[in-house]
Amino acid sequence: SPSPSQSTWSSESVAKVKEMYCVKVETMTSEGETYLRGGLQVKAELRPKSHDGAVVPGEVEDHGDGTFIITLIPQTAGPHQLLITMDGQHVQKSPCDLYV
C-alpha cells in the first residue's frame, strides 16, 4: 500500500514570484517499492511565513502511475513553507522551507 512517509518529491526549478513552480511527487510503498497506481488524495500549498501573503494552493495532476505533478504560482517574494500531503499525511521533506 502507498506510504506518504516514504514518498518523495523533487523540483528542478527555482521559485519566482508570478512564475510557475512545478513539483513531482513519486509514491512509494512502506517497503520502499514504487507504487504504480494513481487515485491518491495529494494536496499541496505554499504558505508565506509572513502574515501579509496569501496561501497558494497547488494544482495537482494525477498521472495514474504513482506520480503526481503539482503546479504552484507564488504571489509574493520572501520565505515560504511548502506543504505536500498524501491522504492527509505529509510526504518526505514536507513541510519544507522555500524562498521565493
Protein backbone atom coordinates (compact mmCIF):
# COMPACT_ATOMS: atom_id res chain seq x y z
CA SER A 1 0.00 0.00 0.00
CA PRO A 2 1.17 3.61 -0.50
CA SER A 3 3.19 5.22 2.27
CA PRO A 4 3.22 9.04 2.50
CA SER A 5 6.28 8.98 4.79
CA GLN A 6 8.23 7.00 2.15
CA SER A 7 7.01 9.07 -0.80
CA THR A 8 9.29 11.78 -2.14
CA TRP A 9 9.12 14.96 -4.18
CA SER A 10 11.55 16.92 -6.31
CA SER A 11 11.71 20.16 -8.26
CA GLU A 12 14.12 21.31 -10.95
CA SER A 13 13.19 24.98 -10.85
CA VAL A 14 13.71 27.96 -8.56
CA ALA A 15 10.54 29.50 -7.15
CA LYS A 16 9.89 33.01 -8.51
CA VAL A 17 7.01 35.42 -7.99
CA LYS A 18 4.18 35.01 -10.56
CA GLU A 19 6.04 32.18 -12.33
CA MET A 20 5.00 28.53 -12.48
CA TYR A 21 6.77 26.30 -9.94
CA CYS A 22 6.41 22.57 -10.59
CA VAL A 23 6.97 19.71 -8.17
CA LYS A 24 6.96 15.98 -9.00
CA VAL A 25 5.75 13.60 -6.29
CA GLU A 26 6.70 9.92 -6.51
CA THR A 27 4.63 7.50 -4.45
CA MET A 28 6.43 4.71 -2.59
CA THR A 29 5.18 1.78 -0.52
CA SER A 30 6.16 1.21 3.11
CA GLU A 31 8.63 -1.40 1.76
CA GLY A 32 10.35 1.26 -0.36
CA GLU A 33 8.95 -0.01 -3.68
CA THR A 34 7.49 2.30 -6.31
CA TYR A 35 3.70 2.46 -6.09
CA LEU A 36 2.41 2.31 -9.66
CA ARG A 37 -1.21 3.42 -9.29
CA GLY A 38 -2.98 6.76 -9.08
CA GLY A 39 -6.14 7.76 -7.27
CA LEU A 40 -4.49 9.04 -4.09
CA GLN A 41 -5.51 12.30 -2.45
CA VAL A 42 -2.45 14.54 -2.99
CA LYS A 43 -2.61 18.18 -1.90
CA ALA A 44 -0.08 20.97 -1.76
CA GLU A 45 0.08 24.57 -0.68
CA LEU A 46 2.65 27.30 -0.43
CA ARG A 47 2.35 29.38 2.75
CA PRO A 48 4.18 32.69 3.19
CA LYS A 49 5.95 32.86 6.53
CA SER A 50 4.80 36.47 6.98
CA HIS A 51 1.19 37.28 7.72
CA ASP A 52 0.70 39.61 4.75
CA GLY A 53 0.86 36.99 1.99
CA ALA A 54 -1.83 34.69 0.65
CA VAL A 55 -1.65 30.90 0.81
CA VAL A 56 -1.21 29.48 -2.70
CA PRO A 57 -2.98 26.16 -3.35
CA GLY A 58 -1.27 23.69 -5.66
CA GLU A 59 -2.95 22.30 -8.76
CA VAL A 60 -2.38 18.52 -8.73
CA GLU A 61 -2.25 16.34 -11.83
CA ASP A 62 -2.52 12.57 -11.19
CA HIS A 63 -0.60 10.65 -13.87
CA GLY A 64 -2.22 7.36 -12.78
CA ASP A 65 1.16 5.65 -12.30
CA GLY A 66 2.09 6.75 -8.79
CA THR A 67 3.46 10.12 -9.93
CA PHE A 68 1.80 13.48 -9.44
CA ILE A 69 2.75 16.87 -10.85
CA ILE A 70 1.95 19.86 -8.65
CA THR A 71 1.89 23.36 -10.09
CA LEU A 72 2.01 26.45 -7.89
CA ILE A 73 2.35 30.13 -8.80
CA PRO A 74 3.84 32.09 -5.87
CA GLN A 75 2.26 35.53 -5.42
CA THR A 76 4.75 37.17 -3.05
CA ALA A 77 8.52 37.21 -2.54
CA GLY A 78 10.21 36.06 0.65
CA PRO A 79 10.34 32.96 2.84
CA HIS A 80 7.56 30.40 2.40
CA GLN A 81 6.75 26.90 3.58
CA LEU A 82 5.80 24.21 1.05
CA LEU A 83 3.41 21.56 2.37
CA ILE A 84 2.62 18.37 0.44
CA THR A 85 0.28 15.73 1.81
CA MET A 86 -0.90 12.36 0.57
CA ASP A 87 -4.14 11.02 2.02
CA GLY A 88 -3.82 13.66 4.77
CA GLN A 89 -0.23 12.78 5.82
CA HIS A 90 2.94 14.70 4.94
CA VAL A 91 5.30 13.19 2.37
CA GLN A 92 9.06 13.14 2.98
CA LYS A 93 10.64 16.61 3.33
CA SER A 94 7.25 18.23 3.98
CA PRO A 95 6.82 20.85 5.25
CA CYS A 96 9.86 22.43 3.60
CA ASP A 97 11.25 25.96 3.70
CA LEU A 98 11.26 27.57 0.27
CA TYR A 99 12.46 31.05 -0.63
CA VAL A 100 10.63 32.82 -3.45
